[in-house]
Amino acid sequence: MSRRLINEKHRVDPANKAMMLIQNVLYHGTSTARLKQILADGCLRVPTVGDRKVSLTTERDVAEYWARLSVFGDKHDEHAHRLRGLPPDADAAESRGVVLVLDAGRLAAAGYELSPFSDDIWGVGKCDWEREIASWGDIKLSQGMLLTVEAVVGDVHPADIRERVKARQRRARARQRRLILHFQPQSKSGPLVNAKVNVGNRGTGRAITDENEHDCK
């Protein structure tokens, strides 16, 4: 298969699993056009095609990225709708990005099957930046599951958001490496290990170099 759970031994992202354990909220990016159906159903539904999961994330910026992509999709569909001579779809034409904020504690207490996920459609590790948490069933939005719906404001291209998130994560990994090197035992000739350590990107503490460190597409 081209998609794998990252809880396989060679695909574990320690940063994502740790974040999942301490996260108070999880985010889901969508559009106002799609939100209308979500609220009518009272749940986030697993899609009938593709990966059968509801995609959540530990990072709001990632949810905003997907919200803006959802708006692009709505506009594309509305344009195709008009080209076929069909009546205009007002909801799609006026679509705006929104981020759903869900209570992570309530989701866990309700027994939802949640697990870190990374799509390797662009290559192994390329989508780790999304910090995705997958729900393998519909999520009912009752009983306080949905905390709020936040509007996505401003005119920012999704690609700019993606690069901003990836840059922030690279800085965080660099800080982690510096801390590890700072506290490493010292030998008489210097640090016992001079290589950088991969602590936040599918690693298990193995030494890496710039050339073999994965960066997400």
Protein backbone atom coordinates (compact mmCIF):
# COMPACT_ATOMS: atom_id res chain seq x y z
CA MET A 1 0.00 0.00 0.00
CA SER A 2 1.14 3.57 -0.60
CA ARG A 3 -0.13 4.79 2.77
CA ARG A 4 0.98 3.50 6.13
CA LEU A 5 0.32 4.20 9.76
CA ILE A 6 3.40 5.76 11.26
CA ASN A 7 3.15 3.60 14.35
CA GLU A 8 5.12 0.96 12.45
CA LYS A 9 8.54 0.64 14.05
CA HIS A 10 10.42 2.34 11.21
CA ARG A 11 7.79 5.08 10.78
CA VAL A 12 7.27 6.32 14.34
CA ASP A 13 7.45 10.09 14.71
CA PRO A 14 8.26 10.59 18.41
CA ALA A 15 7.38 14.29 18.31
CA ASN A 16 3.93 13.57 16.90
CA LYS A 17 3.16 10.72 19.31
CA ALA A 18 4.31 12.78 22.29
CA MET A 19 2.27 15.78 21.15
CA MET A 20 -0.78 13.57 20.76
CA LEU A 21 -0.51 12.46 24.41
CA ILE A 22 -0.40 16.00 25.84
CA GLN A 23 -2.62 17.81 23.35
CA ASN A 24 -5.70 19.53 24.80
CA VAL A 25 -7.26 20.25 21.42
CA LEU A 26 -7.11 18.89 17.88
CA TYR A 27 -7.88 20.82 14.71
CA HIS A 28 -9.73 20.08 11.46
CA GLY A 29 -9.53 22.46 8.51
CA THR A 30 -12.47 22.77 6.14
CA SER A 31 -14.63 25.39 4.40
CA THR A 32 -17.92 27.12 5.17
CA ALA A 33 -19.54 25.27 2.26
CA ARG A 34 -18.54 21.90 3.71
CA LEU A 35 -19.21 22.98 7.29
CA LYS A 36 -22.87 23.39 6.43
CA GLN A 37 -23.16 19.65 5.72
CA ILE A 38 -20.97 18.74 8.71
CA LEU A 39 -23.28 20.60 11.08
CA ALA A 40 -26.38 19.16 9.39
CA ASP A 41 -24.99 15.64 9.91
CA GLY A 42 -23.78 16.44 13.41
CA CYS A 43 -20.49 14.71 12.75
CA LEU A 44 -17.27 14.61 10.79
CA ARG A 45 -17.75 11.68 8.44
CA VAL A 46 -15.12 9.31 7.11
CA PRO A 47 -14.92 9.78 3.31
CA THR A 48 -16.24 7.06 1.04
CA VAL A 49 -13.13 7.18 -1.17
CA GLY A 50 -9.43 7.30 -0.41
CA ASP A 51 -8.15 6.80 3.12
CA ARG A 52 -11.17 6.02 5.29
CA LYS A 53 -10.32 8.37 8.12
CA VAL A 54 -11.11 11.80 9.50
CA SER A 55 -7.95 13.90 9.40
CA LEU A 56 -7.12 15.97 12.48
CA THR A 57 -3.88 17.72 13.38
CA THR A 58 -2.08 18.94 16.47
CA GLU A 59 -1.12 22.20 14.72
CA ARG A 60 -3.59 24.97 13.93
CA ASP A 61 -1.52 26.29 11.01
CA VAL A 62 -1.77 22.88 9.34
CA ALA A 63 -5.56 22.96 9.76
CA GLU A 64 -5.56 26.42 8.17
CA TYR A 65 -3.53 25.03 5.27
CA TRP A 66 -6.21 22.39 4.62
CA ALA A 67 -9.01 24.91 5.13
CA ARG A 68 -7.58 27.10 2.37
CA LEU A 69 -7.16 24.08 0.08
CA SER A 70 -10.81 23.19 0.75
CA VAL A 71 -11.84 26.65 -0.43
CA PHE A 72 -9.78 26.21 -3.61
CA GLY A 73 -11.60 22.92 -4.17
CA ASP A 74 -15.00 24.52 -3.64
CA LYS A 75 -14.23 27.31 -6.11
CA HIS A 76 -13.01 24.79 -8.68
CA ASP A 77 -16.17 22.72 -8.29
CA GLU A 78 -18.37 25.80 -8.56
CA HIS A 79 -16.61 26.86 -11.76
CA ALA A 80 -17.08 23.39 -13.25
CA HIS A 81 -20.71 23.57 -12.16
CA ARG A 82 -21.27 26.75 -14.18
CA LEU A 83 -19.40 25.39 -17.20
CA ARG A 84 -21.91 22.54 -17.35
CA GLY A 85 -24.70 25.09 -17.47
CA LEU A 86 -26.03 24.15 -14.03
CA PRO A 87 -27.48 26.68 -11.58
CA PRO A 88 -24.81 28.48 -9.53
CA ASP A 89 -23.85 27.00 -6.17
CA ALA A 90 -24.00 29.96 -3.81
CA ASP A 91 -22.37 28.09 -0.92
CA ALA A 92 -19.35 27.12 -3.02
CA ALA A 93 -19.10 30.55 -4.62
CA GLU A 94 -18.96 32.25 -1.20
CA SER A 95 -16.87 29.55 0.47
CA ARG A 96 -14.43 30.64 3.18
CA GLY A 97 -11.92 28.71 5.23
CA VAL A 98 -12.70 27.64 8.81
CA VAL A 99 -10.91 25.62 11.48
CA LEU A 100 -12.84 23.30 13.77
CA VAL A 101 -11.37 23.02 17.28
CA LEU A 102 -12.13 19.71 18.99
CA ASP A 103 -11.67 18.62 22.60
CA ALA A 104 -8.90 16.01 22.49
CA GLY A 105 -9.64 14.80 26.00
CA ARG A 106 -13.30 14.12 25.23
CA LEU A 107 -12.35 12.31 22.04
CA ALA A 108 -10.01 10.03 23.97
CA ALA A 109 -12.51 9.48 26.80
CA ALA A 110 -15.22 8.58 24.28
CA GLY A 111 -13.04 5.78 22.94
CA TYR A 112 -12.32 7.11 19.46
CA GLU A 113 -9.56 5.21 17.67
CA LEU A 114 -6.97 7.93 17.13
CA SER A 115 -3.45 7.39 15.86
CA PRO A 116 -0.64 9.40 14.22
CA PHE A 117 -0.68 9.09 10.44
CA SER A 118 1.60 10.18 7.63
CA ASP A 119 0.74 9.76 3.96
CA ASP A 120 3.78 8.62 1.95
CA ILE A 121 2.22 9.52 -1.40
CA TRP A 122 5.10 12.02 -1.96
CA GLY A 123 7.67 9.73 -0.35
CA VAL A 124 8.26 8.29 3.09
CA GLY A 125 8.24 11.05 5.70
CA LYS A 126 7.33 13.84 3.29
CA CYS A 127 3.98 14.51 5.00
CA ASP A 128 5.19 14.24 8.59
CA TRP A 129 5.04 18.05 8.82
CA GLU A 130 1.24 17.81 8.85
CA ARG A 131 1.33 16.29 12.37
CA GLU A 132 -1.78 14.36 11.44
CA ILE A 133 -3.92 12.44 13.91
CA ALA A 134 -6.34 10.10 12.16
CA SER A 135 -9.72 9.02 13.47
CA TRP A 136 -10.74 5.70 11.92
CA GLY A 137 -14.44 6.37 12.36
CA ASP A 138 -16.97 9.21 12.17
CA ILE A 139 -16.63 11.81 14.93
CA LYS A 140 -19.91 12.92 16.49
CA LEU A 141 -19.85 16.59 17.38
CA SER A 142 -22.22 16.33 20.33
CA GLN A 143 -21.44 16.43 24.06
CA GLY A 144 -18.90 19.22 23.82
CA MET A 145 -16.65 17.58 21.22
CA LEU A 146 -16.67 20.72 19.05
CA LEU A 147 -15.30 23.58 21.12
CA THR A 148 -15.44 26.32 18.51
CA VAL A 149 -15.25 27.15 14.81
CA GLU A 150 -12.59 29.72 13.93
CA ALA A 151 -12.63 31.76 10.73
CA VAL A 152 -9.53 31.74 8.55
CA VAL A 153 -8.70 35.35 7.76
CA GLY A 154 -6.32 37.07 5.40
CA ASP A 155 -5.12 36.19 1.93
CA VAL A 156 -2.33 33.66 2.36
CA HIS A 157 -1.45 30.98 -0.17
CA PRO A 158 -1.48 27.42 1.25
CA ALA A 159 2.09 26.87 0.02
CA ASP A 160 3.27 29.82 2.13
CA ILE A 161 1.63 28.30 5.22
CA ARG A 162 3.24 24.93 4.49
CA GLU A 163 6.71 26.46 4.23
CA ARG A 164 6.16 28.48 7.40
CA VAL A 165 5.19 25.38 9.36
CA LYS A 166 8.10 23.34 8.01
CA ALA A 167 10.57 26.12 8.83
CA ARG A 168 9.25 26.31 12.40
CA GLN A 169 9.58 22.54 12.79
CA ARG A 170 13.15 22.61 11.45
CA ARG A 171 14.05 25.26 14.03
CA ALA A 172 12.49 23.14 16.78
CA ARG A 173 14.49 20.07 15.68
CA ALA A 174 17.67 22.15 15.62
CA ARG A 175 17.03 23.34 19.18
CA GLN A 176 16.47 19.73 20.29
CA ARG A 177 19.74 18.65 18.68
CA ARG A 178 21.65 21.46 20.39
CA LEU A 179 20.19 20.49 23.77
CA ILE A 180 21.11 16.83 23.28
CA LEU A 181 24.65 17.71 22.25
CA HIS A 182 24.97 20.12 25.17
CA PHE A 183 24.10 17.43 27.72
CA GLN A 184 26.03 14.57 26.13
CA PRO A 185 28.76 12.96 28.28
CA GLN A 186 32.18 14.38 27.49
CA SER A 187 35.34 12.36 26.92
CA LYS A 188 38.83 13.75 27.40
CA SER A 189 39.03 14.43 23.67
CA GLY A 190 35.61 16.08 23.44
CA PRO A 191 31.98 14.99 22.91
CA LEU A 192 31.48 11.25 22.61
CA VAL A 193 29.19 11.78 19.60
CA ASN A 194 29.78 14.58 17.13
CA ALA A 195 27.02 13.73 14.67
CA LYS A 196 23.67 15.46 14.82
CA VAL A 197 20.87 13.42 16.35
CA ASN A 198 17.50 12.95 14.73
CA VAL A 199 15.02 13.36 17.59
CA GLY A 200 11.92 14.71 15.96
CA ASN A 201 11.61 13.19 12.52
CA ARG A 202 10.87 9.47 12.50
CA GLY A 203 14.11 8.80 14.37
CA THR A 204 15.09 6.64 17.27
CA GLY A 205 18.17 8.64 18.27
CA ARG A 206 20.27 7.51 15.29
CA ALA A 207 22.95 9.84 13.94
CA ILE A 208 22.11 11.63 10.71
CA THR A 209 23.55 14.18 8.33
CA ASP A 210 22.00 17.03 6.34
CA GLU A 211 22.11 14.85 3.26
CA ASN A 212 19.93 12.03 4.64
CA GLU A 213 17.60 14.00 6.86
CA HIS A 214 14.10 13.92 5.39
CA ASP A 215 12.39 17.23 4.88
CA CYS A 216 8.68 17.17 4.16
CA LYS A 217 7.47 18.13 0.70
